[in-house]
Amino acid sequence: MIRTIITPEKQDVSLHIPEDYVGKQIEVLLYAVDELSQQNDQTKTKPAGFRGTLNLTADQYEDFQTHLKDIRNEWDRDI
C-alpha cells in the first residue's frame, strides 16, 4: 500500500504505478485533507447528546429497565 499527501501546484497530477500493481485493481482517492477533518468534527457525537432521545412513556421506561435487568442477569458471571 502506498499513501502520500501532496499539494498540487496545478490541476493535473501524474501518478507512477509500481510494477507489482500493474494489472491489479487499485483504488485512487482524492479529497482535501481539511474537508475530511471538517466532516469528522461534525460526525462526533458525545454520549450525553443522546440523552432523552427515546422519549419513552413511564410504562415503556419501566419495561425497558426490566428488560435491561433481565438480560444483564443472563450473563451470570462472577468477576
Protein backbone atom coordinates (compact mmCIF):
# COMPACT_ATOMS: atom_id res chain seq x y z
CA MET A 1 0.00 0.00 0.00
CA ILE A 2 1.23 3.45 -0.85
CA ARG A 3 -0.16 6.52 0.85
CA THR A 4 1.08 10.04 0.43
CA ILE A 5 -0.17 13.58 0.80
CA ILE A 6 0.66 16.12 -1.89
CA THR A 7 -0.08 19.77 -2.52
CA PRO A 8 -0.72 20.12 -6.26
CA GLU A 9 0.52 23.26 -7.98
CA LYS A 10 -1.83 22.83 -10.95
CA GLN A 11 -4.97 20.84 -11.85
CA ASP A 12 -3.15 17.89 -13.42
CA VAL A 13 -1.34 15.27 -11.33
CA SER A 14 0.61 12.36 -12.81
CA LEU A 15 0.79 9.02 -10.98
CA HIS A 16 3.57 6.47 -11.30
CA ILE A 17 2.12 2.99 -10.72
CA PRO A 18 4.58 0.46 -9.21
CA GLU A 19 5.35 -2.57 -11.39
CA ASP A 20 3.67 -5.03 -9.00
CA TYR A 21 0.40 -3.03 -9.16
CA VAL A 22 0.14 -3.25 -12.95
CA GLY A 23 -2.81 -5.45 -13.93
CA LYS A 24 -4.41 -5.24 -10.50
CA GLN A 25 -7.43 -3.24 -9.43
CA ILE A 26 -6.32 -0.20 -7.47
CA GLU A 27 -8.30 2.45 -5.62
CA VAL A 28 -7.46 6.11 -6.01
CA LEU A 29 -8.98 8.58 -3.54
CA LEU A 30 -8.95 12.34 -3.96
CA TYR A 31 -10.07 14.64 -1.17
CA ALA A 32 -8.85 17.77 0.53
CA VAL A 33 -7.47 16.95 3.98
CA ASP A 34 -9.16 19.97 5.57
CA GLU A 35 -12.55 18.85 4.19
CA LEU A 36 -12.07 15.45 5.79
CA SER A 37 -11.26 16.94 9.20
CA GLN A 38 -14.35 19.19 8.99
CA GLN A 39 -16.51 16.17 8.18
CA ASN A 40 -15.08 14.18 11.11
CA ASP A 41 -15.75 17.07 13.51
CA GLN A 42 -19.41 17.13 12.50
CA THR A 43 -19.96 13.39 12.96
CA LYS A 44 -18.55 13.17 16.51
CA THR A 45 -21.41 12.94 18.99
CA LYS A 46 -20.83 12.60 22.69
CA PRO A 47 -22.91 10.02 24.56
CA ALA A 48 -24.61 12.80 26.52
CA GLY A 49 -26.00 14.04 23.22
CA PHE A 50 -28.30 11.02 23.10
CA ARG A 51 -29.92 11.77 26.47
CA GLY A 52 -33.70 11.86 26.14
CA THR A 53 -33.85 10.73 22.51
CA LEU A 54 -36.02 7.66 23.22
CA ASN A 55 -38.90 9.77 24.57
CA LEU A 56 -40.41 6.82 26.44
CA THR A 57 -43.60 6.91 28.44
CA ALA A 58 -43.38 5.87 32.10
CA ASP A 59 -44.67 2.35 31.27
CA GLN A 60 -42.27 1.97 28.35
CA TYR A 61 -39.40 3.13 30.56
CA GLU A 62 -40.24 0.55 33.23
CA ASP A 63 -40.50 -2.23 30.61
CA PHE A 64 -37.17 -1.15 29.16
CA GLN A 65 -35.46 -1.13 32.56
CA THR A 66 -36.90 -4.56 33.38
CA HIS A 67 -35.65 -5.92 30.08
CA LEU A 68 -32.17 -4.49 30.73
CA LYS A 69 -32.06 -6.09 34.19
CA ASP A 70 -33.18 -9.44 32.74
CA ILE A 71 -30.56 -9.54 30.01
CA ARG A 72 -27.83 -8.42 32.42
CA ASN A 73 -28.79 -11.21 34.81
CA GLU A 74 -28.40 -13.70 31.95
CA TRP A 75 -24.67 -13.02 31.92
CA ASP A 76 -24.44 -14.75 35.33
CA ARG A 77 -20.71 -14.49 35.71
CA ASP A 78 -18.52 -13.68 38.66
CA ILE A 79 -15.95 -11.02 38.03
